[in-house]
Amino acid sequence: MPEPMKPITNPVLVDAMAKFKLDLTNRENEKAFLEAAVDAKYLIPALVERASDEEPKPGEQVKMRVAFQIMTNQQGEQFMPAFTDEIEIRKNRKPGETFQIIVMNFMDLYQFVKNNEKIGGVVINPFGSALCLIRPQVIAIGDRGGDLSSVPTPPAPRPVHDHENQIPTGPSAEEIQAAQQDVIRQAMADLEAKKAAEADTEPETSPVTDDLIDALKACLKKQKAVKKAYIRPETESGERYLLVALEADENADLKAVGEAVSTGCADYSDLPLECVPASSIRAKALVAEEKPFYEKKRFGFF
């Protein structure tokens, strides 16, 4: 029996992105970010469907059609979103929206960008750290098989003239670096502005949906040790999640219960689920202020 695929996490890339974002002019941090970006595996949202409505014959190879999600900034430039882990990709999912997740490496992204001239680059974690690999970077690195050491500095759009000798000369490395960072900053600023605009125009909906509650109840009914359960959204260090407080029998393995709940109900929530004992400090306010959404029946079958 094949082993289940390990979850995609990319801790090296996440750390490199955080350091690079603190100072976009730091070339060592930029190099570390690019190296990690080339080595990473990404989660890509997509719709996958059969290319034909005709039923395939037995043994016939089925052709599939893949449509990738594309993001557009305020200037009309298109970017392909790529996510480092499941927590980041859940930020991209709206209530009721379904899509498949495809795992791609840097060279896969390069092929897509190169074959689609309208794509201006790849934005990593657009609803989190939001760092861009612009099209010239992706193609320059991909053309050399991901070898950063052999990637030349990309040329400037227009030459700069030496007025004394009237000889066209290329820009300095510092000028090209500054231009690249301006593009990255602008792309990040556009994405932040778009997120802010969407937050202002779209009414805020509760992440605790009826479908999620139904799924949680169905899961908890299988956990005989759980007596009550409470839930509400929380924010910690800028990250939103759903806090689930569990009241259970004294000898209950709440860690195992929490893993079963998080795994079984992940598809019903845009936010990660975090289960804690109802007696813990973190759950104190939740238990005191909210009614349980689940209570174990004293009699009857489940």
Protein backbone atom coordinates (compact mmCIF):
# COMPACT_ATOMS: atom_id res chain seq x y z
CA MET A 1 0.00 0.00 0.00
CA PRO A 2 1.60 3.35 -1.03
CA GLU A 3 2.53 5.78 1.72
CA PRO A 4 0.43 8.97 1.86
CA MET A 5 2.08 12.04 0.36
CA LYS A 6 3.77 14.25 2.92
CA PRO A 7 2.21 17.72 3.23
CA ILE A 8 3.92 20.56 1.35
CA THR A 9 5.33 23.09 3.86
CA ASN A 10 8.44 24.88 2.43
CA PRO A 11 9.84 26.27 5.74
CA VAL A 12 13.10 27.37 4.08
CA LEU A 13 11.24 29.48 1.50
CA VAL A 14 8.86 30.95 4.08
CA ASP A 15 11.82 32.02 6.23
CA ALA A 16 13.71 33.44 3.23
CA MET A 17 10.65 35.42 2.15
CA ALA A 18 10.26 36.96 5.59
CA LYS A 19 13.92 38.06 5.69
CA PHE A 20 13.91 39.43 2.14
CA LYS A 21 10.71 41.39 2.71
CA LEU A 22 12.34 43.24 5.64
CA ASP A 23 14.88 44.77 3.22
CA LEU A 24 14.25 44.34 -0.52
CA THR A 25 17.64 45.96 -1.30
CA ASN A 26 19.64 43.31 0.56
CA ARG A 27 21.21 41.21 -2.20
CA GLU A 28 22.19 38.33 0.10
CA ASN A 29 18.58 38.02 1.26
CA GLU A 30 17.39 38.22 -2.34
CA LYS A 31 19.77 35.44 -3.37
CA ALA A 32 18.60 33.23 -0.49
CA PHE A 33 14.98 33.91 -1.48
CA LEU A 34 15.58 33.03 -5.14
CA GLU A 35 17.49 29.84 -4.23
CA ALA A 36 14.66 28.73 -1.94
CA ALA A 37 12.06 29.66 -4.58
CA VAL A 38 13.81 27.49 -7.18
CA ASP A 39 14.06 24.50 -4.80
CA ALA A 40 10.47 24.75 -3.50
CA LYS A 41 7.34 22.83 -4.38
CA TYR A 42 4.15 24.87 -4.67
CA LEU A 43 0.44 24.30 -4.23
CA ILE A 44 -1.44 25.70 -7.23
CA PRO A 45 -5.24 26.12 -7.33
CA ALA A 46 -6.77 24.82 -10.57
CA LEU A 47 -9.89 23.42 -12.16
CA VAL A 48 -9.31 20.04 -13.81
CA GLU A 49 -11.94 18.56 -16.10
CA ARG A 50 -12.21 16.18 -19.04
CA ALA A 51 -11.41 17.81 -22.37
CA SER A 52 -14.40 16.07 -23.97
CA ASP A 53 -17.94 15.37 -22.78
CA GLU A 54 -17.90 11.99 -24.49
CA GLU A 55 -17.57 8.97 -22.25
CA PRO A 56 -14.14 7.34 -22.72
CA LYS A 57 -13.97 3.80 -24.00
CA PRO A 58 -12.56 1.11 -21.67
CA GLY A 59 -8.79 1.43 -21.56
CA GLU A 60 -8.81 4.70 -23.50
CA GLN A 61 -6.53 7.46 -22.19
CA VAL A 62 -8.58 10.42 -20.98
CA LYS A 63 -7.40 13.89 -21.97
CA MET A 64 -7.81 16.45 -19.21
CA ARG A 65 -8.10 20.22 -19.40
CA VAL A 66 -6.48 22.31 -16.64
CA ALA A 67 -7.43 25.93 -15.93
CA PHE A 68 -5.14 27.72 -13.48
CA GLN A 69 -6.28 30.58 -11.28
CA ILE A 70 -4.91 33.95 -12.43
CA MET A 71 -4.80 37.18 -10.39
CA THR A 72 -4.95 40.66 -11.94
CA ASN A 73 -3.60 43.82 -10.31
CA GLN A 74 -4.94 47.37 -10.73
CA GLN A 75 -2.79 47.93 -13.81
CA GLY A 76 -4.33 44.91 -15.54
CA GLU A 77 -1.16 42.84 -15.18
CA GLN A 78 -1.72 39.13 -14.65
CA PHE A 79 0.12 36.96 -12.13
CA MET A 80 -0.04 33.27 -11.33
CA PRO A 81 -0.58 32.62 -7.59
CA ALA A 82 1.53 29.94 -5.91
CA PHE A 83 1.24 28.84 -2.29
CA THR A 84 3.84 27.41 0.07
CA ASP A 85 1.52 25.33 2.27
CA GLU A 86 -2.09 24.39 3.04
CA ILE A 87 -2.60 27.25 5.50
CA GLU A 88 -1.73 29.82 2.80
CA ILE A 89 -3.90 28.21 0.12
CA ARG A 90 -6.89 28.13 2.48
CA LYS A 91 -6.71 31.94 2.60
CA ASN A 92 -7.45 31.85 -1.13
CA ARG A 93 -10.65 29.78 -0.82
CA LYS A 94 -13.93 31.64 -0.55
CA PRO A 95 -16.95 30.04 1.20
CA GLY A 96 -18.52 27.44 -1.07
CA GLU A 97 -15.70 27.59 -3.62
CA THR A 98 -14.09 24.34 -4.69
CA PHE A 99 -10.95 23.74 -6.71
CA GLN A 100 -8.29 21.10 -7.10
CA ILE A 101 -4.74 21.55 -5.87
CA ILE A 102 -1.82 20.72 -8.15
CA VAL A 103 1.75 20.41 -6.89
CA MET A 104 4.26 22.17 -9.16
CA ASN A 105 7.96 22.96 -8.93
CA PHE A 106 9.74 26.07 -10.19
CA MET A 107 10.39 24.63 -13.65
CA ASP A 108 6.68 23.85 -14.03
CA LEU A 109 5.88 27.48 -13.21
CA TYR A 110 8.58 28.62 -15.64
CA GLN A 111 7.05 26.59 -18.48
CA PHE A 112 3.60 28.05 -17.82
CA VAL A 113 4.87 31.64 -17.64
CA LYS A 114 7.05 31.26 -20.74
CA ASN A 115 4.20 29.77 -22.76
CA ASN A 116 1.74 32.52 -21.73
CA GLU A 117 2.98 35.97 -22.71
CA LYS A 118 0.27 37.78 -20.76
CA ILE A 119 1.48 36.38 -17.43
CA GLY A 120 3.69 38.98 -15.73
CA GLY A 121 5.14 36.58 -13.19
CA VAL A 122 4.39 34.45 -10.14
CA VAL A 123 3.19 35.84 -6.81
CA ILE A 124 3.98 33.59 -3.85
CA ASN A 125 1.47 33.59 -0.98
CA PRO A 126 -0.60 36.54 -2.31
CA PHE A 127 -2.71 36.69 0.86
CA GLY A 128 0.29 36.40 3.18
CA SER A 129 3.89 37.53 2.61
CA ALA A 130 3.10 38.29 -1.07
CA LEU A 131 6.45 38.27 -2.85
CA CYS A 132 6.67 38.34 -6.65
CA LEU A 133 8.92 36.59 -9.10
CA ILE A 134 8.58 38.87 -12.13
CA ARG A 135 8.47 37.41 -15.64
CA PRO A 136 12.08 38.31 -16.63
CA GLN A 137 13.39 36.64 -13.46
CA VAL A 138 11.35 33.47 -13.99
CA ILE A 139 12.37 33.11 -17.64
CA ALA A 140 16.04 33.99 -17.05
CA ILE A 141 16.32 31.38 -14.29
CA GLY A 142 14.20 28.77 -16.03
CA ASP A 143 16.08 29.04 -19.33
CA ARG A 144 19.15 27.87 -17.43
CA GLY A 145 17.43 24.99 -15.69
CA GLY A 146 17.20 26.80 -12.36
CA ASP A 147 20.95 27.49 -12.17
CA LEU A 148 21.17 30.90 -10.49
CA SER A 149 24.94 31.13 -10.84
CA SER A 150 24.70 31.40 -14.63
CA VAL A 151 21.77 33.83 -14.80
CA PRO A 152 22.94 37.15 -16.29
CA THR A 153 21.62 40.48 -15.12
CA PRO A 154 18.60 41.19 -17.34
CA PRO A 155 18.97 44.16 -19.70
CA ALA A 156 17.14 47.42 -19.17
CA PRO A 157 14.23 48.27 -21.51
CA ARG A 158 16.09 51.27 -22.98
CA PRO A 159 19.86 51.98 -23.22
CA VAL A 160 21.49 54.84 -21.35
CA HIS A 161 23.76 57.06 -23.48
CA ASP A 162 27.21 58.33 -22.64
CA HIS A 163 26.70 61.94 -23.80
CA GLU A 164 30.40 62.63 -24.09
CA ASN A 165 31.08 59.89 -26.66
CA GLN A 166 27.50 59.25 -27.82
CA ILE A 167 28.01 55.48 -27.38
CA PRO A 168 25.05 53.43 -26.14
CA THR A 169 25.94 51.77 -22.86
CA GLY A 170 24.00 49.45 -20.59
CA PRO A 171 22.79 50.42 -17.12
CA SER A 172 24.83 49.62 -14.05
CA ALA A 173 24.07 46.56 -11.92
CA GLU A 174 22.86 48.88 -9.15
CA GLU A 175 20.41 50.61 -11.52
CA ILE A 176 19.02 47.30 -12.76
CA GLN A 177 18.70 46.02 -9.19
CA ALA A 178 16.83 49.16 -8.19
CA ALA A 179 14.50 48.82 -11.20
CA GLN A 180 13.75 45.20 -10.35
CA GLN A 181 12.95 46.07 -6.77
CA ASP A 182 10.67 48.89 -7.90
CA VAL A 183 8.69 46.37 -9.95
CA ILE A 184 8.45 43.98 -7.00
CA ARG A 185 7.40 46.77 -4.61
CA GLN A 186 4.76 48.00 -7.04
CA ALA A 187 3.36 44.51 -7.55
CA MET A 188 3.20 43.97 -3.78
CA ALA A 189 1.57 47.39 -3.27
CA ASP A 190 -1.03 46.62 -5.94
CA LEU A 191 -1.89 43.31 -4.31
CA GLU A 192 -2.23 44.93 -0.89
CA ALA A 193 -4.45 47.66 -2.38
CA LYS A 194 -6.60 45.06 -4.10
CA LYS A 195 -7.03 43.09 -0.86
CA ALA A 196 -7.95 46.28 1.01
CA ALA A 197 -10.45 47.27 -1.67
CA GLU A 198 -12.08 43.83 -1.61
CA ALA A 199 -12.29 43.99 2.18
CA ASP A 200 -14.07 47.37 1.95
CA THR A 201 -16.54 46.34 -0.76
CA GLU A 202 -17.39 42.79 0.26
CA PRO A 203 -19.56 42.26 3.34
CA GLU A 204 -17.78 40.24 5.97
CA THR A 205 -19.22 36.77 6.26
CA SER A 206 -18.77 34.47 9.22
CA PRO A 207 -16.22 31.69 8.63
CA VAL A 208 -18.37 29.45 10.83
CA THR A 209 -20.81 28.21 8.20
CA ASP A 210 -23.73 25.80 8.55
CA ASP A 211 -21.87 23.25 6.42
CA LEU A 212 -18.86 23.46 8.75
CA ILE A 213 -21.03 23.02 11.86
CA ASP A 214 -22.76 20.01 10.30
CA ALA A 215 -19.40 18.46 9.43
CA LEU A 216 -18.05 19.10 12.92
CA LYS A 217 -21.12 17.56 14.55
CA ALA A 218 -20.87 14.48 12.35
CA CYS A 219 -17.20 14.12 13.24
CA LEU A 220 -17.73 14.65 16.98
CA LYS A 221 -20.54 12.10 17.13
CA LYS A 222 -17.89 9.48 16.37
CA GLN A 223 -15.78 10.71 19.31
CA LYS A 224 -17.67 9.16 22.23
CA ALA A 225 -15.51 10.88 24.85
CA VAL A 226 -16.51 14.42 23.77
CA LYS A 227 -19.37 15.95 25.76
CA LYS A 228 -19.52 19.53 24.43
CA ALA A 229 -17.81 21.65 21.81
CA TYR A 230 -17.54 25.41 21.26
CA ILE A 231 -16.20 27.38 18.30
CA ARG A 232 -15.42 30.93 17.19
CA PRO A 233 -12.88 32.80 15.02
CA GLU A 234 -9.71 34.07 16.67
CA THR A 235 -6.69 36.08 15.52
CA GLU A 236 -3.15 35.55 16.76
CA SER A 237 -0.01 37.26 15.38
CA GLY A 238 -2.05 38.53 12.46
CA GLU A 239 -3.26 35.05 11.48
CA ARG A 240 -6.94 34.09 11.70
CA TYR A 241 -8.07 30.60 12.70
CA LEU A 242 -11.03 28.82 14.26
CA LEU A 243 -10.64 27.95 17.94
CA VAL A 244 -12.54 24.79 18.93
CA ALA A 245 -12.89 24.08 22.64
CA LEU A 246 -13.64 20.47 23.58
CA GLU A 247 -15.13 19.30 26.86
CA ALA A 248 -14.54 15.58 27.24
CA ASP A 249 -14.15 12.66 29.65
CA GLU A 250 -11.16 12.79 31.95
CA ASN A 251 -9.17 10.09 30.14
CA ALA A 252 -9.98 11.31 26.60
CA ASP A 253 -7.12 11.70 24.12
CA LEU A 254 -7.99 15.24 23.02
CA LYS A 255 -4.93 15.46 20.79
CA ALA A 256 -6.20 12.55 18.71
CA VAL A 257 -9.71 14.02 18.72
CA GLY A 258 -8.35 17.37 17.55
CA GLU A 259 -6.42 15.73 14.69
CA ALA A 260 -9.53 13.83 13.60
CA VAL A 261 -11.61 17.03 13.65
CA SER A 262 -9.01 19.12 11.80
CA THR A 263 -8.47 16.46 9.13
CA GLY A 264 -12.11 15.51 8.67
CA CYS A 265 -13.45 19.07 8.44
CA ALA A 266 -10.62 20.93 6.69
CA ASP A 267 -12.52 21.11 3.38
CA TYR A 268 -15.40 22.94 5.04
CA SER A 269 -13.37 25.87 6.37
CA ASP A 270 -11.23 28.60 4.80
CA LEU A 271 -9.42 28.92 8.13
CA PRO A 272 -7.37 26.31 9.98
CA LEU A 273 -9.04 24.58 12.94
CA GLU A 274 -7.26 24.48 16.29
CA CYS A 275 -8.72 22.26 19.00
CA VAL A 276 -7.98 22.86 22.70
CA PRO A 277 -9.43 21.53 25.98
CA ALA A 278 -12.40 23.54 27.24
CA SER A 279 -10.58 23.84 30.59
CA SER A 280 -7.53 25.57 29.07
CA ILE A 281 -6.78 29.27 29.49
CA ARG A 282 -7.12 29.87 25.76
CA ALA A 283 -10.69 28.56 25.82
CA LYS A 284 -11.79 30.38 28.97
CA ALA A 285 -13.45 33.35 27.22
CA LEU A 286 -14.93 31.17 24.48
CA VAL A 287 -16.63 28.79 26.93
CA ALA A 288 -17.85 31.68 29.10
CA GLU A 289 -19.29 33.76 26.24
CA GLU A 290 -20.55 31.25 23.68
CA LYS A 291 -23.05 28.43 23.67
CA PRO A 292 -21.84 24.97 22.64
CA PHE A 293 -22.60 24.10 19.04
CA TYR A 294 -22.43 20.40 19.97
CA GLU A 295 -23.64 18.52 23.04
CA LYS A 296 -23.54 14.76 23.43
CA LYS A 297 -26.97 13.23 23.84
CA ARG A 298 -27.54 11.42 27.08
CA PHE A 299 -29.65 8.72 25.45
CA GLY A 300 -30.19 7.36 21.98
CA PHE A 301 -28.07 6.22 19.11
CA PHE A 302 -25.51 8.32 17.23
